[in-house]
Amino acid sequence: MNAFLPQTYLLGLIGLLAIVAVVGGRQFLRVRRDEQSLLKMEQAKVASSKDAGALYELASVQLRKRLYPQAIVTLRQAIKRLNNEPDEARALIENALGYALAAEKDFTTAVRHYKAALRAKEDYPVAMNNLAFAQERLLENEEACALYRQALVLDPKNKTARKRLTRLERSAAKEKTSNQSSPKGPDGRGF
């Protein structure tokens, strides 16, 4: 019985190390692939390209690498170079620009770009989720709830919208309960 304990411990440790090695290796390969893509695009001078698609690809790599200021500049260039692209392309680029701006905590401008994405493609649940989140950050919770509900109508399996909507509804219920239970004086403050 006691002879199996060290073997079990070693097998468990080896298994854990194997899992860590696989996860670490995948992350390393992902970062390396993004670095190579970014290097190839910079060598090909994609940033000065007139093709909105190529600029969007460059911005996507920049977003994955969390280079938000550079991605914002690249996506703005891509929007300027949208000519005869379909509305879906405009929606993708506007949504990505809103995401980059939201990552930089510029929620007001992000809202404007999310709305532009939804004008380009009305049934775009990702942009709707992002717009609702930005509205939530701007403390416009009622609008955020309405947007999450719309996203659930478009995509009933949308886990993000369901989770955020539940959280907002709970906090609204708590706030309503706390406002009703606390006595208020004539000036609106508690005693």
C-alpha atoms as a PDB file:
ATOM      1  CA  MET A   1       0.000   0.000   0.000  1.00  0.00           C
ATOM      2  CA  ASN A   2       2.746   2.465   0.957  1.00  0.00           C
ATOM      3  CA  ALA A   3       4.831   1.446  -2.067  1.00  0.00           C
ATOM      4  CA  PHE A   4       2.196   2.838  -4.461  1.00  0.00           C
ATOM      5  CA  LEU A   5       2.123   6.294  -2.872  1.00  0.00           C
ATOM      6  CA  PRO A   6       5.447   7.572  -4.339  1.00  0.00           C
ATOM      7  CA  GLN A   7       4.609   6.107  -7.743  1.00  0.00           C
ATOM      8  CA  THR A   8       1.175   7.732  -7.726  1.00  0.00           C
ATOM      9  CA  TYR A   9       2.709  11.027  -6.686  1.00  0.00           C
ATOM     10  CA  LEU A  10       5.291  10.864  -9.496  1.00  0.00           C
ATOM     11  CA  LEU A  11       2.683   9.895 -12.111  1.00  0.00           C
ATOM     12  CA  GLY A  12       0.459  12.775 -11.004  1.00  0.00           C
ATOM     13  CA  LEU A  13       3.386  15.192 -11.126  1.00  0.00           C
ATOM     14  CA  ILE A  14       4.424  13.979 -14.585  1.00  0.00           C
ATOM     15  CA  GLY A  15       0.821  14.321 -15.814  1.00  0.00           C
ATOM     16  CA  LEU A  16       0.574  17.852 -14.427  1.00  0.00           C
ATOM     17  CA  LEU A  17       3.892  18.834 -16.016  1.00  0.00           C
ATOM     18  CA  ALA A  18       2.764  17.377 -19.349  1.00  0.00           C
ATOM     19  CA  ILE A  19      -0.413  19.472 -19.251  1.00  0.00           C
ATOM     20  CA  VAL A  20       1.566  22.608 -18.393  1.00  0.00           C
ATOM     21  CA  ALA A  21       4.016  21.863 -21.222  1.00  0.00           C
ATOM     22  CA  VAL A  22       1.206  21.455 -23.770  1.00  0.00           C
ATOM     23  CA  VAL A  23      -0.565  24.644 -22.684  1.00  0.00           C
ATOM     24  CA  GLY A  24       2.702  26.599 -22.583  1.00  0.00           C
ATOM     25  CA  GLY A  25       3.757  25.249 -25.965  1.00  0.00           C
ATOM     26  CA  ARG A  26       0.449  26.230 -27.569  1.00  0.00           C
ATOM     27  CA  GLN A  27       0.715  29.735 -26.138  1.00  0.00           C
ATOM     28  CA  PHE A  28       4.313  30.024 -27.358  1.00  0.00           C
ATOM     29  CA  LEU A  29       3.344  28.910 -30.871  1.00  0.00           C
ATOM     30  CA  ARG A  30       0.392  31.334 -30.943  1.00  0.00           C
ATOM     31  CA  VAL A  31       2.583  34.282 -29.919  1.00  0.00           C
ATOM     32  CA  ARG A  32       5.258  33.260 -32.405  1.00  0.00           C
ATOM     33  CA  ARG A  33       2.702  33.014 -35.222  1.00  0.00           C
ATOM     34  CA  ASP A  34       1.381  36.502 -34.394  1.00  0.00           C
ATOM     35  CA  GLU A  35       4.928  37.896 -34.292  1.00  0.00           C
ATOM     36  CA  GLN A  36       5.708  36.382 -37.684  1.00  0.00           C
ATOM     37  CA  SER A  37       2.453  37.682 -39.174  1.00  0.00           C
ATOM     38  CA  LEU A  38       3.137  41.158 -37.833  1.00  0.00           C
ATOM     39  CA  LEU A  39       6.703  41.086 -39.184  1.00  0.00           C
ATOM     40  CA  LYS A  40       5.563  39.911 -42.640  1.00  0.00           C
ATOM     41  CA  MET A  41       2.902  42.587 -42.825  1.00  0.00           C
ATOM     42  CA  GLU A  42       5.325  45.298 -41.763  1.00  0.00           C
ATOM     43  CA  GLN A  43       7.845  44.147 -44.362  1.00  0.00           C
ATOM     44  CA  ALA A  44       5.129  44.148 -46.999  1.00  0.00           C
ATOM     45  CA  LYS A  45       4.255  47.702 -45.903  1.00  0.00           C
ATOM     46  CA  VAL A  46       0.624  46.792 -45.300  1.00  0.00           C
ATOM     47  CA  ALA A  47       0.182  49.913 -43.137  1.00  0.00           C
ATOM     48  CA  SER A  48       0.500  52.064 -46.264  1.00  0.00           C
ATOM     49  CA  SER A  49      -1.747  49.763 -48.282  1.00  0.00           C
ATOM     50  CA  LYS A  50      -4.885  50.961 -49.987  1.00  0.00           C
ATOM     51  CA  ASP A  51      -6.632  47.648 -49.307  1.00  0.00           C
ATOM     52  CA  ALA A  52      -9.032  47.803 -46.343  1.00  0.00           C
ATOM     53  CA  GLY A  53      -8.908  44.006 -45.957  1.00  0.00           C
ATOM     54  CA  ALA A  54      -5.139  43.955 -45.532  1.00  0.00           C
ATOM     55  CA  LEU A  55      -5.350  46.790 -43.027  1.00  0.00           C
ATOM     56  CA  TYR A  56      -8.023  44.889 -41.095  1.00  0.00           C
ATOM     57  CA  GLU A  57      -5.773  41.810 -40.971  1.00  0.00           C
ATOM     58  CA  LEU A  58      -2.892  43.934 -39.647  1.00  0.00           C
ATOM     59  CA  ALA A  59      -5.171  45.497 -37.043  1.00  0.00           C
ATOM     60  CA  SER A  60      -6.412  42.044 -35.997  1.00  0.00           C
ATOM     61  CA  VAL A  61      -2.853  40.953 -35.245  1.00  0.00           C
ATOM     62  CA  GLN A  62      -2.246  44.219 -33.398  1.00  0.00           C
ATOM     63  CA  LEU A  63      -5.379  43.636 -31.318  1.00  0.00           C
ATOM     64  CA  ARG A  64      -4.313  40.089 -30.438  1.00  0.00           C
ATOM     65  CA  LYS A  65      -0.954  41.477 -29.320  1.00  0.00           C
ATOM     66  CA  ARG A  66      -2.754  44.209 -27.321  1.00  0.00           C
ATOM     67  CA  LEU A  67      -1.197  47.015 -29.359  1.00  0.00           C
ATOM     68  CA  TYR A  68      -4.385  49.057 -29.082  1.00  0.00           C
ATOM     69  CA  PRO A  69      -3.080  52.516 -30.094  1.00  0.00           C
ATOM     70  CA  GLN A  70      -1.516  51.097 -33.269  1.00  0.00           C
ATOM     71  CA  ALA A  71      -4.668  49.097 -34.005  1.00  0.00           C
ATOM     72  CA  ILE A  72      -6.797  52.237 -33.653  1.00  0.00           C
ATOM     73  CA  VAL A  73      -4.671  54.056 -36.230  1.00  0.00           C
ATOM     74  CA  THR A  74      -4.718  51.074 -38.593  1.00  0.00           C
ATOM     75  CA  LEU A  75      -8.488  50.595 -38.307  1.00  0.00           C
ATOM     76  CA  ARG A  76      -9.142  54.283 -38.941  1.00  0.00           C
ATOM     77  CA  GLN A  77      -7.079  53.981 -42.117  1.00  0.00           C
ATOM     78  CA  ALA A  78      -9.087  50.894 -43.092  1.00  0.00           C
ATOM     79  CA  ILE A  79     -12.358  52.807 -42.647  1.00  0.00           C
ATOM     80  CA  LYS A  80     -11.074  55.604 -44.881  1.00  0.00           C
ATOM     81  CA  ARG A  81     -10.150  53.069 -47.560  1.00  0.00           C
ATOM     82  CA  LEU A  82     -13.500  51.255 -47.588  1.00  0.00           C
ATOM     83  CA  ASN A  83     -14.800  51.851 -51.073  1.00  0.00           C
ATOM     84  CA  ASN A  84     -16.948  49.180 -52.631  1.00  0.00           C
ATOM     85  CA  GLU A  85     -16.635  46.727 -49.776  1.00  0.00           C
ATOM     86  CA  PRO A  86     -19.793  44.998 -48.542  1.00  0.00           C
ATOM     87  CA  ASP A  87     -21.592  46.295 -45.456  1.00  0.00           C
ATOM     88  CA  GLU A  88     -20.388  43.270 -43.501  1.00  0.00           C
ATOM     89  CA  ALA A  89     -16.767  44.398 -43.941  1.00  0.00           C
ATOM     90  CA  ARG A  90     -17.651  47.878 -42.661  1.00  0.00           C
ATOM     91  CA  ALA A  91     -19.406  46.297 -39.683  1.00  0.00           C
ATOM     92  CA  LEU A  92     -16.361  44.157 -38.841  1.00  0.00           C
ATOM     93  CA  ILE A  93     -13.955  47.084 -39.058  1.00  0.00           C
ATOM     94  CA  GLU A  94     -16.194  49.456 -37.076  1.00  0.00           C
ATOM     95  CA  ASN A  95     -16.707  46.818 -34.382  1.00  0.00           C
ATOM     96  CA  ALA A  96     -12.965  46.158 -34.154  1.00  0.00           C
ATOM     97  CA  LEU A  97     -12.284  49.893 -33.858  1.00  0.00           C
ATOM     98  CA  GLY A  98     -14.885  50.162 -31.112  1.00  0.00           C
ATOM     99  CA  TYR A  99     -13.234  47.243 -29.319  1.00  0.00           C
ATOM    100  CA  ALA A 100      -9.805  48.889 -29.506  1.00  0.00           C
ATOM    101  CA  LEU A 101     -11.215  52.182 -28.228  1.00  0.00           C
ATOM    102  CA  ALA A 102     -13.023  50.406 -25.388  1.00  0.00           C
ATOM    103  CA  ALA A 103      -9.774  48.690 -24.440  1.00  0.00           C
ATOM    104  CA  GLU A 104      -8.264  52.174 -24.164  1.00  0.00           C
ATOM    105  CA  LYS A 105     -11.222  53.200 -21.919  1.00  0.00           C
ATOM    106  CA  ASP A 106     -12.684  55.580 -24.528  1.00  0.00           C
ATOM    107  CA  PHE A 107     -16.209  54.214 -24.212  1.00  0.00           C
ATOM    108  CA  THR A 108     -17.982  57.259 -25.661  1.00  0.00           C
ATOM    109  CA  THR A 109     -16.156  56.989 -28.983  1.00  0.00           C
ATOM    110  CA  ALA A 110     -16.448  53.198 -28.878  1.00  0.00           C
ATOM    111  CA  VAL A 111     -20.243  53.538 -28.637  1.00  0.00           C
ATOM    112  CA  ARG A 112     -20.235  55.650 -31.798  1.00  0.00           C
ATOM    113  CA  HIS A 113     -18.313  52.973 -33.723  1.00  0.00           C
ATOM    114  CA  TYR A 114     -20.428  50.097 -32.380  1.00  0.00           C
ATOM    115  CA  LYS A 115     -23.531  51.965 -33.545  1.00  0.00           C
ATOM    116  CA  ALA A 116     -21.919  52.425 -36.969  1.00  0.00           C
ATOM    117  CA  ALA A 117     -21.259  48.670 -37.082  1.00  0.00           C
ATOM    118  CA  LEU A 118     -24.902  48.007 -36.286  1.00  0.00           C
ATOM    119  CA  ARG A 119     -26.027  50.457 -38.974  1.00  0.00           C
ATOM    120  CA  ALA A 120     -23.919  48.532 -41.467  1.00  0.00           C
ATOM    121  CA  LYS A 121     -25.213  45.152 -40.291  1.00  0.00           C
ATOM    122  CA  GLU A 122     -28.261  45.216 -38.029  1.00  0.00           C
ATOM    123  CA  ASP A 123     -28.172  41.540 -37.062  1.00  0.00           C
ATOM    124  CA  TYR A 124     -24.641  41.559 -35.588  1.00  0.00           C
ATOM    125  CA  PRO A 125     -24.866  40.171 -32.026  1.00  0.00           C
ATOM    126  CA  VAL A 126     -21.162  40.680 -31.263  1.00  0.00           C
ATOM    127  CA  ALA A 127     -21.390  44.413 -31.949  1.00  0.00           C
ATOM    128  CA  MET A 128     -24.610  44.522 -29.949  1.00  0.00           C
ATOM    129  CA  ASN A 129     -22.897  42.836 -26.971  1.00  0.00           C
ATOM    130  CA  ASN A 130     -19.983  45.244 -27.250  1.00  0.00           C
ATOM    131  CA  LEU A 131     -22.301  48.257 -27.464  1.00  0.00           C
ATOM    132  CA  ALA A 132     -24.235  47.056 -24.429  1.00  0.00           C
ATOM    133  CA  PHE A 133     -20.999  46.601 -22.476  1.00  0.00           C
ATOM    134  CA  ALA A 134     -19.849  50.119 -23.389  1.00  0.00           C
ATOM    135  CA  GLN A 135     -23.244  51.517 -22.372  1.00  0.00           C
ATOM    136  CA  GLU A 136     -22.895  49.627 -19.119  1.00  0.00           C
ATOM    137  CA  ARG A 137     -19.495  51.226 -18.518  1.00  0.00           C
ATOM    138  CA  LEU A 138     -21.038  54.630 -19.204  1.00  0.00           C
ATOM    139  CA  LEU A 139     -23.616  53.778 -16.471  1.00  0.00           C
ATOM    140  CA  GLU A 140     -26.514  53.617 -18.925  1.00  0.00           C
ATOM    141  CA  ASN A 141     -27.756  50.302 -17.549  1.00  0.00           C
ATOM    142  CA  GLU A 142     -31.303  50.454 -18.933  1.00  0.00           C
ATOM    143  CA  GLU A 143     -30.008  50.862 -22.489  1.00  0.00           C
ATOM    144  CA  ALA A 144     -27.496  48.077 -21.859  1.00  0.00           C
ATOM    145  CA  CYS A 145     -30.275  45.729 -20.689  1.00  0.00           C
ATOM    146  CA  ALA A 146     -32.327  46.510 -23.786  1.00  0.00           C
ATOM    147  CA  LEU A 147     -29.335  45.806 -26.031  1.00  0.00           C
ATOM    148  CA  TYR A 148     -28.555  42.518 -24.284  1.00  0.00           C
ATOM    149  CA  ARG A 149     -32.203  41.498 -24.769  1.00  0.00           C
ATOM    150  CA  GLN A 150     -31.946  42.345 -28.478  1.00  0.00           C
ATOM    151  CA  ALA A 151     -28.765  40.275 -28.719  1.00  0.00           C
ATOM    152  CA  LEU A 152     -30.596  37.344 -27.130  1.00  0.00           C
ATOM    153  CA  VAL A 153     -33.391  37.689 -29.685  1.00  0.00           C
ATOM    154  CA  LEU A 154     -30.801  37.480 -32.486  1.00  0.00           C
ATOM    155  CA  ASP A 155     -28.830  34.700 -30.809  1.00  0.00           C
ATOM    156  CA  PRO A 156     -30.698  32.862 -28.024  1.00  0.00           C
ATOM    157  CA  LYS A 157     -27.546  30.878 -27.111  1.00  0.00           C
ATOM    158  CA  ASN A 158     -25.505  34.060 -26.511  1.00  0.00           C
ATOM    159  CA  LYS A 159     -23.858  33.288 -23.156  1.00  0.00           C
ATOM    160  CA  THR A 160     -22.282  36.711 -22.774  1.00  0.00           C
ATOM    161  CA  ALA A 161     -25.546  38.581 -23.210  1.00  0.00           C
ATOM    162  CA  ARG A 162     -27.390  36.198 -20.896  1.00  0.00           C
ATOM    163  CA  LYS A 163     -24.777  36.476 -18.158  1.00  0.00           C
ATOM    164  CA  ARG A 164     -24.430  40.274 -18.356  1.00  0.00           C
ATOM    165  CA  LEU A 165     -28.208  40.785 -18.497  1.00  0.00           C
ATOM    166  CA  THR A 166     -28.703  38.615 -15.413  1.00  0.00           C
ATOM    167  CA  ARG A 167     -26.016  40.572 -13.573  1.00  0.00           C
ATOM    168  CA  LEU A 168     -27.567  43.915 -14.517  1.00  0.00           C
ATOM    169  CA  GLU A 169     -31.057  42.793 -13.533  1.00  0.00           C
ATOM    170  CA  ARG A 170     -29.801  41.561 -10.149  1.00  0.00           C
ATOM    171  CA  SER A 171     -27.983  44.813  -9.429  1.00  0.00           C
ATOM    172  CA  ALA A 172     -31.083  46.817 -10.456  1.00  0.00           C
ATOM    173  CA  ALA A 173     -33.243  44.688  -8.149  1.00  0.00           C
ATOM    174  CA  LYS A 174     -30.802  45.170  -5.250  1.00  0.00           C
ATOM    175  CA  GLU A 175     -30.677  48.903  -5.869  1.00  0.00           C
ATOM    176  CA  LYS A 176     -34.467  49.118  -5.978  1.00  0.00           C
ATOM    177  CA  THR A 177     -34.769  47.103  -2.747  1.00  0.00           C
ATOM    178  CA  SER A 178     -32.183  49.215  -0.934  1.00  0.00           C
ATOM    179  CA  ASN A 179     -33.874  52.442  -2.070  1.00  0.00           C
ATOM    180  CA  GLN A 180     -37.262  51.259  -0.806  1.00  0.00           C
ATOM    181  CA  SER A 181     -36.000  50.069   2.570  1.00  0.00           C
ATOM    182  CA  SER A 182     -33.943  53.124   3.538  1.00  0.00           C
ATOM    183  CA  PRO A 183     -35.905  56.029   5.011  1.00  0.00           C
ATOM    184  CA  LYS A 184     -35.330  59.357   3.352  1.00  0.00           C
ATOM    185  CA  GLY A 185     -35.642  62.837   4.686  1.00  0.00           C
ATOM    186  CA  PRO A 186     -37.207  65.784   2.869  1.00  0.00           C
ATOM    187  CA  ASP A 187     -33.933  66.516   1.061  1.00  0.00           C
ATOM    188  CA  GLY A 188     -33.684  62.983  -0.380  1.00  0.00           C
ATOM    189  CA  ARG A 189     -30.911  61.835   1.925  1.00  0.00           C
ATOM    190  CA  GLY A 190     -31.265  59.277   4.684  1.00  0.00           C
ATOM    191  CA  PHE A 191     -31.701  60.299   8.322  1.00  0.00           C
END
